[in-house]
N, C-alpha and C. Protein backbone atom coordinates (compact mmCIF):
# COMPACT_ATOMS: atom_id res chain seq x y z
N UNK A 1 11.68 0.07 -14.01
CA UNK A 1 12.16 0.99 -15.05
C UNK A 1 12.77 0.20 -16.20
N UNK A 2 12.68 0.76 -17.40
CA UNK A 2 13.27 0.12 -18.55
C UNK A 2 14.73 0.49 -18.67
N UNK A 3 15.55 -0.47 -19.06
CA UNK A 3 16.94 -0.17 -19.36
C UNK A 3 17.02 0.25 -20.82
N UNK A 4 17.92 1.15 -21.18
CA UNK A 4 18.06 1.53 -22.58
C UNK A 4 18.65 0.39 -23.38
N UNK A 5 18.55 0.48 -24.70
CA UNK A 5 19.15 -0.53 -25.55
C UNK A 5 20.65 -0.57 -25.30
N UNK A 6 21.27 -1.74 -25.52
CA UNK A 6 22.72 -1.84 -25.34
C UNK A 6 23.43 -0.79 -26.19
N UNK A 7 24.34 -0.04 -25.57
CA UNK A 7 25.10 0.95 -26.31
C UNK A 7 24.35 2.23 -26.57
N UNK A 8 23.14 2.38 -26.03
CA UNK A 8 22.34 3.57 -26.26
C UNK A 8 21.92 4.18 -24.92
N UNK A 9 21.68 5.48 -24.96
CA UNK A 9 21.17 6.16 -23.79
C UNK A 9 19.66 6.33 -23.93
N UNK A 10 18.98 6.41 -22.80
CA UNK A 10 17.55 6.67 -22.84
C UNK A 10 17.33 8.13 -23.24
N UNK A 11 16.38 8.36 -24.14
CA UNK A 11 16.12 9.71 -24.63
C UNK A 11 14.73 10.17 -24.19
N UNK A 12 14.61 11.44 -23.91
CA UNK A 12 13.33 12.01 -23.52
C UNK A 12 12.43 12.12 -24.75
N UNK A 13 11.13 12.34 -24.50
CA UNK A 13 10.18 12.49 -25.60
C UNK A 13 10.53 13.73 -26.43
N UNK A 14 11.00 14.78 -25.77
CA UNK A 14 11.39 15.99 -26.49
C UNK A 14 12.53 15.71 -27.45
N UNK A 15 13.50 14.92 -27.01
CA UNK A 15 14.61 14.58 -27.89
C UNK A 15 14.13 13.75 -29.08
N UNK A 16 13.19 12.86 -28.84
CA UNK A 16 12.62 12.07 -29.94
C UNK A 16 11.92 12.99 -30.94
N UNK A 17 11.17 13.96 -30.44
CA UNK A 17 10.45 14.89 -31.30
C UNK A 17 11.43 15.71 -32.14
N UNK A 18 12.47 16.23 -31.49
CA UNK A 18 13.44 17.07 -32.20
C UNK A 18 14.20 16.27 -33.26
N UNK A 19 14.56 15.05 -32.92
CA UNK A 19 15.28 14.20 -33.88
C UNK A 19 14.40 13.86 -35.08
N UNK A 20 13.16 13.49 -34.80
CA UNK A 20 12.22 13.17 -35.88
C UNK A 20 11.93 14.40 -36.73
N UNK A 21 11.81 15.57 -36.09
CA UNK A 21 11.54 16.81 -36.82
C UNK A 21 12.68 17.15 -37.76
N UNK A 22 13.91 16.96 -37.30
CA UNK A 22 15.07 17.22 -38.15
C UNK A 22 15.11 16.32 -39.37
N UNK A 23 14.82 15.04 -39.15
CA UNK A 23 14.80 14.09 -40.26
C UNK A 23 13.68 14.43 -41.24
N UNK A 24 12.52 14.79 -40.70
CA UNK A 24 11.39 15.14 -41.55
C UNK A 24 11.65 16.39 -42.37
N UNK A 25 12.27 17.39 -41.76
CA UNK A 25 12.57 18.63 -42.46
C UNK A 25 13.53 18.39 -43.62
N UNK A 26 14.55 17.58 -43.39
CA UNK A 26 15.51 17.28 -44.45
C UNK A 26 14.84 16.53 -45.60
N UNK A 27 14.04 15.53 -45.25
CA UNK A 27 13.35 14.76 -46.29
C UNK A 27 12.34 15.60 -47.05
N UNK A 28 11.62 16.47 -46.34
CA UNK A 28 10.64 17.32 -46.99
C UNK A 28 11.26 18.30 -47.96
N UNK A 29 12.40 18.87 -47.59
CA UNK A 29 13.08 19.83 -48.46
C UNK A 29 13.57 19.16 -49.74
N UNK A 30 14.18 18.00 -49.59
CA UNK A 30 14.69 17.28 -50.76
C UNK A 30 13.56 16.85 -51.69
N UNK A 31 12.44 16.43 -51.11
CA UNK A 31 11.34 15.90 -51.91
C UNK A 31 10.32 16.91 -52.38
N UNK A 32 10.48 18.20 -52.01
CA UNK A 32 9.49 19.23 -52.34
C UNK A 32 9.19 19.34 -53.84
N UNK A 33 10.20 19.38 -54.72
CA UNK A 33 9.90 19.48 -56.16
C UNK A 33 9.10 18.29 -56.68
N UNK A 34 9.42 17.10 -56.22
CA UNK A 34 8.69 15.91 -56.65
C UNK A 34 7.26 15.94 -56.14
N UNK A 35 7.09 16.44 -54.92
CA UNK A 35 5.75 16.54 -54.36
C UNK A 35 4.90 17.54 -55.15
N UNK A 36 5.51 18.62 -55.60
CA UNK A 36 4.80 19.62 -56.40
C UNK A 36 4.30 19.02 -57.70
N UNK A 37 5.17 18.28 -58.38
CA UNK A 37 4.77 17.64 -59.64
C UNK A 37 3.67 16.63 -59.39
N UNK A 38 3.79 15.86 -58.31
CA UNK A 38 2.79 14.86 -57.97
C UNK A 38 1.42 15.50 -57.77
N UNK A 39 1.38 16.59 -57.01
CA UNK A 39 0.12 17.27 -56.74
C UNK A 39 -0.49 17.81 -58.03
N UNK A 40 0.33 18.39 -58.88
CA UNK A 40 -0.18 18.95 -60.13
C UNK A 40 -0.71 17.86 -61.06
N UNK A 41 -0.03 16.73 -61.11
CA UNK A 41 -0.50 15.63 -61.96
C UNK A 41 -1.83 15.08 -61.45
N UNK A 42 -1.97 14.98 -60.14
CA UNK A 42 -3.23 14.52 -59.56
C UNK A 42 -4.35 15.54 -59.81
N UNK A 43 -3.99 16.81 -59.78
CA UNK A 43 -4.99 17.86 -59.99
C UNK A 43 -5.50 17.89 -61.42
N UNK A 44 -4.71 17.36 -62.37
CA UNK A 44 -5.12 17.32 -63.77
C UNK A 44 -6.40 16.52 -63.97
N UNK A 45 -6.66 15.59 -63.06
CA UNK A 45 -7.84 14.74 -63.19
C UNK A 45 -9.12 15.57 -63.15
N UNK A 46 -9.13 16.61 -62.31
CA UNK A 46 -10.32 17.44 -62.19
C UNK A 46 -10.17 18.79 -62.88
N UNK A 47 -9.01 19.05 -63.47
CA UNK A 47 -8.78 20.33 -64.15
C UNK A 47 -9.41 20.32 -65.54
N UNK A 48 -9.76 21.49 -66.00
CA UNK A 48 -10.33 21.62 -67.34
C UNK A 48 -9.25 21.51 -68.41
N UNK A 49 -9.68 21.44 -69.65
CA UNK A 49 -8.74 21.28 -70.76
C UNK A 49 -7.78 22.45 -70.88
N UNK A 50 -8.22 23.63 -70.47
CA UNK A 50 -7.38 24.82 -70.59
C UNK A 50 -6.42 25.01 -69.43
N UNK A 51 -6.71 24.36 -68.30
CA UNK A 51 -5.86 24.53 -67.12
C UNK A 51 -5.00 23.31 -66.80
N UNK A 52 -5.32 22.17 -67.37
CA UNK A 52 -4.54 20.95 -67.12
C UNK A 52 -3.14 21.10 -67.70
N UNK A 53 -2.16 20.65 -66.97
CA UNK A 53 -0.78 20.80 -67.40
C UNK A 53 -0.30 19.61 -68.23
N UNK A 54 -0.87 18.44 -68.00
CA UNK A 54 -0.58 17.24 -68.79
C UNK A 54 0.90 16.88 -68.80
N UNK A 55 1.50 16.80 -67.64
CA UNK A 55 2.88 16.32 -67.57
C UNK A 55 2.90 14.85 -67.96
N UNK A 56 3.86 14.44 -68.76
CA UNK A 56 3.95 13.05 -69.20
C UNK A 56 4.40 12.15 -68.05
N UNK A 57 5.33 12.64 -67.27
CA UNK A 57 5.84 11.90 -66.12
C UNK A 57 6.54 12.90 -65.21
N UNK A 58 7.06 12.44 -64.10
CA UNK A 58 7.62 13.35 -63.09
C UNK A 58 8.79 14.16 -63.64
N UNK A 59 9.64 13.52 -64.47
CA UNK A 59 10.80 14.25 -65.00
C UNK A 59 10.37 15.30 -66.01
N UNK A 60 9.34 14.99 -66.79
CA UNK A 60 8.79 15.97 -67.72
C UNK A 60 8.24 17.16 -66.93
N UNK A 61 7.60 16.88 -65.80
CA UNK A 61 7.08 17.95 -64.97
C UNK A 61 8.18 18.84 -64.44
N UNK A 62 9.26 18.24 -63.95
CA UNK A 62 10.37 19.03 -63.41
C UNK A 62 10.99 19.91 -64.49
N UNK A 63 11.19 19.35 -65.68
CA UNK A 63 11.80 20.10 -66.78
C UNK A 63 10.89 21.23 -67.24
N UNK A 64 9.60 20.95 -67.36
CA UNK A 64 8.67 21.96 -67.85
C UNK A 64 8.47 23.10 -66.86
N UNK A 65 8.50 22.79 -65.58
CA UNK A 65 8.39 23.86 -64.59
C UNK A 65 9.58 24.80 -64.71
N UNK A 66 10.77 24.23 -64.89
CA UNK A 66 11.97 25.06 -65.04
C UNK A 66 11.93 25.87 -66.33
N UNK A 67 11.43 25.26 -67.41
CA UNK A 67 11.43 25.91 -68.71
C UNK A 67 10.28 26.90 -68.87
N UNK A 68 9.08 26.51 -68.46
CA UNK A 68 7.90 27.33 -68.68
C UNK A 68 7.65 28.34 -67.56
N UNK A 69 8.16 28.08 -66.38
CA UNK A 69 7.95 29.00 -65.26
C UNK A 69 9.29 29.56 -64.82
N UNK A 70 9.85 28.95 -63.80
CA UNK A 70 11.17 29.37 -63.29
C UNK A 70 11.66 28.27 -62.36
N UNK A 71 12.97 27.99 -62.37
CA UNK A 71 13.48 26.91 -61.50
C UNK A 71 13.07 27.06 -60.03
N UNK A 72 12.99 28.31 -59.56
CA UNK A 72 12.63 28.50 -58.15
C UNK A 72 11.19 28.07 -57.87
N UNK A 73 10.37 27.97 -58.93
CA UNK A 73 8.99 27.54 -58.75
C UNK A 73 8.89 26.06 -58.37
N UNK A 74 10.00 25.34 -58.52
CA UNK A 74 10.02 23.95 -58.06
C UNK A 74 9.76 23.87 -56.56
N UNK A 75 10.01 24.97 -55.88
CA UNK A 75 9.83 24.99 -54.43
C UNK A 75 8.61 25.80 -54.01
N UNK A 76 7.66 25.95 -54.94
CA UNK A 76 6.38 26.55 -54.56
C UNK A 76 5.71 25.68 -53.50
N UNK A 77 5.36 26.27 -52.40
CA UNK A 77 4.73 25.50 -51.33
C UNK A 77 5.69 24.63 -50.56
N UNK A 78 7.01 24.84 -50.76
CA UNK A 78 8.00 23.99 -50.09
C UNK A 78 7.93 24.10 -48.57
N UNK A 79 7.59 25.30 -48.08
CA UNK A 79 7.49 25.48 -46.63
C UNK A 79 6.45 24.53 -46.04
N UNK A 80 5.30 24.43 -46.73
CA UNK A 80 4.25 23.53 -46.26
C UNK A 80 4.65 22.07 -46.41
N UNK A 81 5.40 21.77 -47.46
CA UNK A 81 5.88 20.39 -47.65
C UNK A 81 6.78 20.00 -46.49
N UNK A 82 7.68 20.90 -46.12
CA UNK A 82 8.60 20.62 -45.02
C UNK A 82 7.85 20.49 -43.70
N UNK A 83 6.90 21.41 -43.45
CA UNK A 83 6.12 21.34 -42.22
C UNK A 83 5.31 20.04 -42.16
N UNK A 84 4.73 19.66 -43.30
CA UNK A 84 3.96 18.41 -43.35
C UNK A 84 4.86 17.22 -43.06
N UNK A 85 6.05 17.21 -43.66
CA UNK A 85 6.99 16.11 -43.43
C UNK A 85 7.39 16.04 -41.97
N UNK A 86 7.59 17.20 -41.35
CA UNK A 86 7.92 17.23 -39.91
C UNK A 86 6.79 16.63 -39.09
N UNK A 87 5.56 17.04 -39.40
CA UNK A 87 4.39 16.54 -38.65
C UNK A 87 4.26 15.02 -38.77
N UNK A 88 4.42 14.51 -39.99
CA UNK A 88 4.28 13.07 -40.21
C UNK A 88 5.40 12.31 -39.50
N UNK A 89 6.62 12.79 -39.63
CA UNK A 89 7.76 12.09 -39.03
C UNK A 89 7.69 12.12 -37.51
N UNK A 90 7.30 13.27 -36.96
CA UNK A 90 7.15 13.36 -35.51
C UNK A 90 6.04 12.43 -35.05
N UNK A 91 4.91 12.44 -35.76
CA UNK A 91 3.79 11.57 -35.40
C UNK A 91 4.15 10.10 -35.47
N UNK A 92 4.94 9.74 -36.47
CA UNK A 92 5.30 8.34 -36.63
C UNK A 92 6.41 7.92 -35.68
N UNK A 93 7.57 8.53 -35.80
CA UNK A 93 8.75 8.07 -35.06
C UNK A 93 8.69 8.33 -33.56
N UNK A 94 8.47 9.60 -33.21
CA UNK A 94 8.53 9.92 -31.78
C UNK A 94 7.39 9.28 -31.00
N UNK A 95 6.18 9.30 -31.57
CA UNK A 95 5.05 8.71 -30.87
C UNK A 95 5.18 7.19 -30.80
N UNK A 96 5.66 6.58 -31.88
CA UNK A 96 5.82 5.12 -31.88
C UNK A 96 6.76 4.68 -30.76
N UNK A 97 7.93 5.28 -30.72
CA UNK A 97 8.93 4.85 -29.74
C UNK A 97 8.53 5.23 -28.31
N UNK A 98 7.86 6.37 -28.15
CA UNK A 98 7.43 6.76 -26.81
C UNK A 98 6.33 5.83 -26.29
N UNK A 99 5.36 5.53 -27.15
CA UNK A 99 4.29 4.62 -26.75
C UNK A 99 4.85 3.23 -26.46
N UNK A 100 5.78 2.81 -27.28
CA UNK A 100 6.38 1.48 -27.08
C UNK A 100 7.13 1.42 -25.75
N UNK A 101 7.92 2.43 -25.46
CA UNK A 101 8.64 2.46 -24.18
C UNK A 101 7.68 2.44 -23.00
N UNK A 102 6.59 3.19 -23.14
CA UNK A 102 5.60 3.25 -22.06
C UNK A 102 4.93 1.90 -21.85
N UNK A 103 4.51 1.26 -22.94
CA UNK A 103 3.83 -0.03 -22.84
C UNK A 103 4.74 -1.11 -22.27
N UNK A 104 6.01 -1.08 -22.68
CA UNK A 104 6.94 -2.10 -22.18
C UNK A 104 7.27 -1.90 -20.70
N UNK A 105 6.81 -0.78 -20.15
CA UNK A 105 6.98 -0.58 -18.71
C UNK A 105 5.98 -1.35 -17.88
N UNK A 106 4.97 -1.93 -18.54
CA UNK A 106 3.96 -2.74 -17.86
C UNK A 106 4.26 -4.23 -18.07
N UNK A 107 3.95 -5.03 -17.07
CA UNK A 107 4.29 -6.45 -17.11
C UNK A 107 3.58 -7.20 -18.23
N UNK A 108 2.38 -6.73 -18.62
CA UNK A 108 1.60 -7.51 -19.59
C UNK A 108 1.91 -7.18 -21.05
N UNK A 109 2.89 -6.30 -21.29
CA UNK A 109 3.32 -6.02 -22.66
C UNK A 109 4.73 -6.53 -22.88
N UNK A 110 4.95 -7.17 -24.01
CA UNK A 110 6.27 -7.68 -24.36
C UNK A 110 6.67 -7.15 -25.73
N UNK A 111 7.93 -7.36 -26.06
CA UNK A 111 8.48 -6.88 -27.33
C UNK A 111 8.06 -7.84 -28.45
N UNK A 112 6.76 -7.86 -28.74
CA UNK A 112 6.20 -8.80 -29.71
C UNK A 112 5.32 -8.08 -30.72
N UNK A 113 4.84 -8.81 -31.71
CA UNK A 113 4.05 -8.23 -32.79
C UNK A 113 2.80 -7.49 -32.30
N UNK A 114 2.01 -8.04 -31.37
CA UNK A 114 0.83 -7.29 -30.91
C UNK A 114 1.17 -5.90 -30.36
N UNK A 115 2.27 -5.81 -29.60
CA UNK A 115 2.70 -4.52 -29.07
C UNK A 115 3.12 -3.59 -30.20
N UNK A 116 3.88 -4.13 -31.15
CA UNK A 116 4.33 -3.32 -32.29
C UNK A 116 3.14 -2.84 -33.12
N UNK A 117 2.14 -3.70 -33.27
CA UNK A 117 0.96 -3.34 -34.04
C UNK A 117 0.19 -2.20 -33.36
N UNK A 118 0.02 -2.29 -32.04
CA UNK A 118 -0.68 -1.25 -31.31
C UNK A 118 0.07 0.07 -31.38
N UNK A 119 1.38 0.02 -31.20
CA UNK A 119 2.19 1.24 -31.23
C UNK A 119 2.16 1.89 -32.61
N UNK A 120 2.24 1.07 -33.66
CA UNK A 120 2.23 1.62 -35.02
C UNK A 120 0.87 2.20 -35.36
N UNK A 121 -0.21 1.63 -34.81
CA UNK A 121 -1.55 2.18 -35.04
C UNK A 121 -1.67 3.56 -34.39
N UNK A 122 -1.15 3.70 -33.17
CA UNK A 122 -1.15 5.00 -32.49
C UNK A 122 -0.31 6.00 -33.27
N UNK A 123 0.83 5.55 -33.77
CA UNK A 123 1.72 6.43 -34.55
C UNK A 123 1.04 6.90 -35.83
N UNK A 124 0.31 6.01 -36.48
CA UNK A 124 -0.39 6.36 -37.72
C UNK A 124 -1.46 7.42 -37.46
N UNK A 125 -2.23 7.23 -36.40
CA UNK A 125 -3.27 8.21 -36.04
C UNK A 125 -2.66 9.55 -35.68
N UNK A 126 -1.56 9.52 -34.95
CA UNK A 126 -0.88 10.75 -34.56
C UNK A 126 -0.36 11.49 -35.78
N UNK A 127 0.26 10.76 -36.70
CA UNK A 127 0.82 11.38 -37.90
C UNK A 127 -0.27 11.99 -38.77
N UNK A 128 -1.36 11.26 -38.96
CA UNK A 128 -2.45 11.77 -39.80
C UNK A 128 -3.11 12.99 -39.17
N UNK A 129 -3.30 12.96 -37.87
CA UNK A 129 -3.95 14.07 -37.18
C UNK A 129 -3.09 15.33 -37.20
N UNK A 130 -1.79 15.16 -36.99
CA UNK A 130 -0.89 16.30 -36.99
C UNK A 130 -0.72 16.89 -38.40
N UNK A 131 -0.65 16.02 -39.39
CA UNK A 131 -0.30 16.46 -40.75
C UNK A 131 -1.48 16.92 -41.59
N UNK A 132 -2.69 16.48 -41.27
CA UNK A 132 -3.83 16.74 -42.14
C UNK A 132 -4.08 18.22 -42.42
N UNK A 133 -4.13 19.11 -41.40
CA UNK A 133 -4.35 20.53 -41.70
C UNK A 133 -3.27 21.11 -42.61
N UNK A 134 -2.03 20.70 -42.37
CA UNK A 134 -0.92 21.19 -43.19
C UNK A 134 -1.03 20.63 -44.61
N UNK A 135 -1.46 19.37 -44.72
CA UNK A 135 -1.61 18.74 -46.02
C UNK A 135 -2.65 19.46 -46.87
N UNK A 136 -3.76 19.81 -46.24
CA UNK A 136 -4.83 20.54 -46.95
C UNK A 136 -4.32 21.88 -47.44
N UNK A 137 -3.64 22.62 -46.58
CA UNK A 137 -3.12 23.93 -46.95
C UNK A 137 -2.04 23.82 -48.01
N UNK A 138 -1.19 22.81 -47.88
CA UNK A 138 -0.11 22.61 -48.86
C UNK A 138 -0.67 22.38 -50.25
N UNK A 139 -1.66 21.52 -50.34
CA UNK A 139 -2.25 21.20 -51.63
C UNK A 139 -2.91 22.44 -52.25
N UNK A 140 -3.58 23.22 -51.42
CA UNK A 140 -4.24 24.43 -51.92
C UNK A 140 -3.22 25.45 -52.39
N UNK A 141 -2.12 25.58 -51.68
CA UNK A 141 -1.09 26.54 -52.07
C UNK A 141 -0.42 26.12 -53.38
N UNK A 142 -0.20 24.83 -53.54
CA UNK A 142 0.47 24.34 -54.75
C UNK A 142 -0.44 24.45 -55.97
N UNK A 143 -1.74 24.42 -55.77
CA UNK A 143 -2.68 24.48 -56.89
C UNK A 143 -3.37 25.84 -57.00
N UNK A 144 -2.91 26.80 -56.21
CA UNK A 144 -3.58 28.11 -56.17
C UNK A 144 -3.54 28.80 -57.54
N UNK A 145 -4.71 29.10 -58.04
CA UNK A 145 -4.81 29.82 -59.31
C UNK A 145 -5.58 31.11 -59.14
N UNK A 146 -6.04 31.37 -57.92
CA UNK A 146 -6.86 32.56 -57.66
C UNK A 146 -6.08 33.66 -56.96
N UNK A 147 -4.91 33.32 -56.42
CA UNK A 147 -4.13 34.30 -55.68
C UNK A 147 -4.59 34.49 -54.26
N UNK A 148 -5.53 33.65 -53.80
CA UNK A 148 -6.06 33.78 -52.44
C UNK A 148 -5.30 32.91 -51.44
N UNK A 149 -4.37 32.11 -51.92
CA UNK A 149 -3.65 31.20 -51.02
C UNK A 149 -2.15 31.19 -51.34
N UNK A 150 -1.60 32.37 -51.57
CA UNK A 150 -0.19 32.45 -51.93
C UNK A 150 0.71 32.24 -50.71
N UNK A 151 0.31 32.78 -49.58
CA UNK A 151 1.11 32.64 -48.36
C UNK A 151 0.40 31.73 -47.37
N UNK A 152 1.13 31.30 -46.36
CA UNK A 152 0.55 30.42 -45.35
C UNK A 152 -0.60 31.11 -44.65
N UNK A 153 -0.41 32.38 -44.32
CA UNK A 153 -1.47 33.13 -43.62
C UNK A 153 -2.71 33.25 -44.49
N UNK A 154 -2.53 33.59 -45.78
CA UNK A 154 -3.66 33.72 -46.69
C UNK A 154 -4.39 32.39 -46.85
N UNK A 155 -3.60 31.33 -46.98
CA UNK A 155 -4.20 30.01 -47.17
C UNK A 155 -4.96 29.58 -45.92
N UNK A 156 -4.40 29.88 -44.76
CA UNK A 156 -5.06 29.51 -43.50
C UNK A 156 -6.41 30.22 -43.38
N UNK A 157 -6.42 31.52 -43.63
CA UNK A 157 -7.66 32.29 -43.51
C UNK A 157 -8.66 31.88 -44.59
N UNK A 158 -8.16 31.61 -45.79
CA UNK A 158 -9.02 31.19 -46.90
C UNK A 158 -9.71 29.86 -46.57
N UNK A 159 -8.94 28.93 -45.99
CA UNK A 159 -9.50 27.63 -45.63
C UNK A 159 -10.43 27.74 -44.43
N UNK A 160 -10.08 28.62 -43.49
CA UNK A 160 -10.87 28.77 -42.28
C UNK A 160 -12.28 29.29 -42.57
N UNK A 161 -12.44 30.00 -43.69
CA UNK A 161 -13.76 30.51 -44.06
C UNK A 161 -14.78 29.37 -44.24
N UNK A 162 -14.27 28.20 -44.58
CA UNK A 162 -15.15 27.04 -44.79
C UNK A 162 -15.46 26.33 -43.48
N UNK A 163 -14.83 26.78 -42.40
CA UNK A 163 -15.05 26.15 -41.11
C UNK A 163 -13.84 25.33 -40.68
N UNK A 164 -13.66 25.09 -39.37
CA UNK A 164 -12.51 24.34 -38.85
C UNK A 164 -12.36 22.94 -39.46
N UNK A 165 -13.49 22.30 -39.75
CA UNK A 165 -13.42 20.94 -40.29
C UNK A 165 -12.85 20.90 -41.71
N UNK A 166 -12.75 22.06 -42.36
CA UNK A 166 -12.18 22.11 -43.70
C UNK A 166 -10.71 21.67 -43.69
N UNK A 167 -10.06 21.84 -42.54
CA UNK A 167 -8.65 21.43 -42.43
C UNK A 167 -8.51 19.91 -42.36
N UNK A 168 -9.62 19.22 -42.18
CA UNK A 168 -9.57 17.76 -42.09
C UNK A 168 -10.37 17.09 -43.20
N UNK A 169 -10.54 17.80 -44.31
CA UNK A 169 -11.19 17.19 -45.46
C UNK A 169 -10.29 16.07 -46.00
N UNK A 170 -10.88 14.89 -46.20
CA UNK A 170 -10.09 13.76 -46.68
C UNK A 170 -9.31 13.06 -45.60
N UNK A 171 -9.73 13.24 -44.32
CA UNK A 171 -8.98 12.66 -43.21
C UNK A 171 -8.96 11.13 -43.27
N UNK A 172 -10.10 10.53 -43.54
CA UNK A 172 -10.17 9.06 -43.55
C UNK A 172 -9.26 8.46 -44.64
N UNK A 173 -9.32 8.95 -45.89
CA UNK A 173 -8.38 8.42 -46.90
C UNK A 173 -6.92 8.65 -46.51
N UNK A 174 -6.65 9.83 -45.92
CA UNK A 174 -5.28 10.12 -45.51
C UNK A 174 -4.82 9.17 -44.40
N UNK A 175 -5.71 8.93 -43.43
CA UNK A 175 -5.38 8.01 -42.34
C UNK A 175 -5.17 6.60 -42.87
N UNK A 176 -6.00 6.21 -43.83
CA UNK A 176 -5.85 4.88 -44.42
C UNK A 176 -4.50 4.74 -45.12
N UNK A 177 -4.15 5.78 -45.88
CA UNK A 177 -2.88 5.74 -46.61
C UNK A 177 -1.70 5.72 -45.66
N UNK A 178 -1.71 6.66 -44.71
CA UNK A 178 -0.61 6.72 -43.75
C UNK A 178 -0.59 5.50 -42.85
N UNK A 179 -1.78 5.02 -42.48
CA UNK A 179 -1.88 3.89 -41.58
C UNK A 179 -1.24 2.64 -42.12
N UNK A 180 -1.55 2.30 -43.36
CA UNK A 180 -1.01 1.08 -43.94
C UNK A 180 0.51 1.11 -44.00
N UNK A 181 1.05 2.20 -44.52
CA UNK A 181 2.51 2.19 -44.68
C UNK A 181 3.23 2.36 -43.34
N UNK A 182 2.58 3.02 -42.36
CA UNK A 182 3.19 3.14 -41.04
C UNK A 182 3.25 1.79 -40.34
N UNK A 183 2.14 1.07 -40.34
CA UNK A 183 2.09 -0.24 -39.70
C UNK A 183 3.07 -1.21 -40.37
N UNK A 184 3.05 -1.26 -41.69
CA UNK A 184 3.94 -2.18 -42.41
C UNK A 184 5.41 -1.82 -42.16
N UNK A 185 5.70 -0.52 -42.18
CA UNK A 185 7.09 -0.07 -41.96
C UNK A 185 7.60 -0.49 -40.58
N UNK A 186 6.82 -0.22 -39.55
CA UNK A 186 7.29 -0.52 -38.20
C UNK A 186 7.30 -2.02 -37.89
N UNK A 187 6.32 -2.75 -38.40
CA UNK A 187 6.34 -4.20 -38.20
C UNK A 187 7.57 -4.82 -38.87
N UNK A 188 7.86 -4.34 -40.08
CA UNK A 188 9.04 -4.85 -40.80
C UNK A 188 10.32 -4.47 -40.07
N UNK A 189 10.39 -3.21 -39.63
CA UNK A 189 11.57 -2.75 -38.89
C UNK A 189 11.81 -3.58 -37.63
N UNK A 190 10.74 -3.83 -36.88
CA UNK A 190 10.87 -4.56 -35.62
C UNK A 190 11.31 -6.00 -35.85
N UNK A 191 10.78 -6.63 -36.89
CA UNK A 191 11.19 -8.00 -37.17
C UNK A 191 12.66 -8.07 -37.59
N UNK A 192 13.10 -7.09 -38.36
CA UNK A 192 14.51 -7.05 -38.75
C UNK A 192 15.39 -6.78 -37.53
N UNK A 193 14.92 -5.89 -36.64
CA UNK A 193 15.68 -5.58 -35.43
C UNK A 193 15.82 -6.80 -34.53
N UNK A 194 14.71 -7.52 -34.35
CA UNK A 194 14.72 -8.68 -33.46
C UNK A 194 15.62 -9.78 -34.02
N UNK A 195 15.57 -9.98 -35.33
CA UNK A 195 16.34 -11.08 -35.93
C UNK A 195 17.81 -10.74 -36.17
N UNK A 196 18.09 -9.48 -36.40
CA UNK A 196 19.47 -9.11 -36.71
C UNK A 196 20.06 -8.09 -35.75
N UNK A 197 19.24 -7.61 -34.78
CA UNK A 197 19.74 -6.62 -33.84
C UNK A 197 19.62 -7.11 -32.42
N UNK A 198 18.70 -6.54 -31.66
CA UNK A 198 18.53 -6.93 -30.26
C UNK A 198 17.08 -6.71 -29.87
N UNK A 199 16.67 -7.35 -28.79
CA UNK A 199 15.33 -7.20 -28.27
C UNK A 199 15.30 -6.08 -27.23
N UNK A 200 14.17 -5.38 -27.16
CA UNK A 200 14.00 -4.34 -26.17
C UNK A 200 13.78 -4.97 -24.79
N UNK A 201 14.41 -4.42 -23.79
CA UNK A 201 14.26 -4.93 -22.44
C UNK A 201 12.85 -4.66 -21.94
N UNK A 202 12.19 -5.68 -21.40
CA UNK A 202 10.85 -5.52 -20.85
C UNK A 202 10.95 -5.30 -19.35
N UNK A 203 9.83 -4.92 -18.75
CA UNK A 203 9.81 -4.67 -17.32
C UNK A 203 10.15 -5.92 -16.53
N UNK A 204 9.75 -7.08 -17.05
CA UNK A 204 9.99 -8.34 -16.35
C UNK A 204 11.48 -8.70 -16.36
N UNK A 205 12.19 -8.21 -17.40
CA UNK A 205 13.61 -8.54 -17.51
C UNK A 205 14.49 -7.52 -16.82
N UNK A 206 13.87 -6.37 -16.40
CA UNK A 206 14.66 -5.29 -15.78
C UNK A 206 15.05 -5.68 -14.35
């Protein structure tokens, strides 16, 4: 059996999920207005001259939404942003640490870069798979101009008409994006932890 980190208690996978979900929800709520502006600016690339919003930068977007629409519109699609953030954070944090704890329970895995790389790859796949359907719906709700995707239920049914795979449109680019920053984040974190914190107890040291 693995011993917990010094000064820490061992946590169940459910506790890891709940903790990660709380962190994701908080981050998603705070970042929702910025995410809305980001999506709209990206959408301008394919929008026509009459529908493009042409925000100069993120702050211009925030100000114009408040002035031209309504301040509460900054949180259009915020529910989906929060749900997406929860899915990504749960996929990254809880899966990473659970997989790592499981692998370190075997004699042939140690607290080293190869183990961290494998765990972060699993975390990236988990995060992308969990978040992709929500990401698709979130983007459609934020850019909805037809009134067919105003609510989560409407957006779900509207997307489902295209088939189940419609929820995973753009999966490979999303996985690539999430994968790179997930792997780099965890590898960096682990190196900082090892050099300035403590090493995780392996099965051989238990």
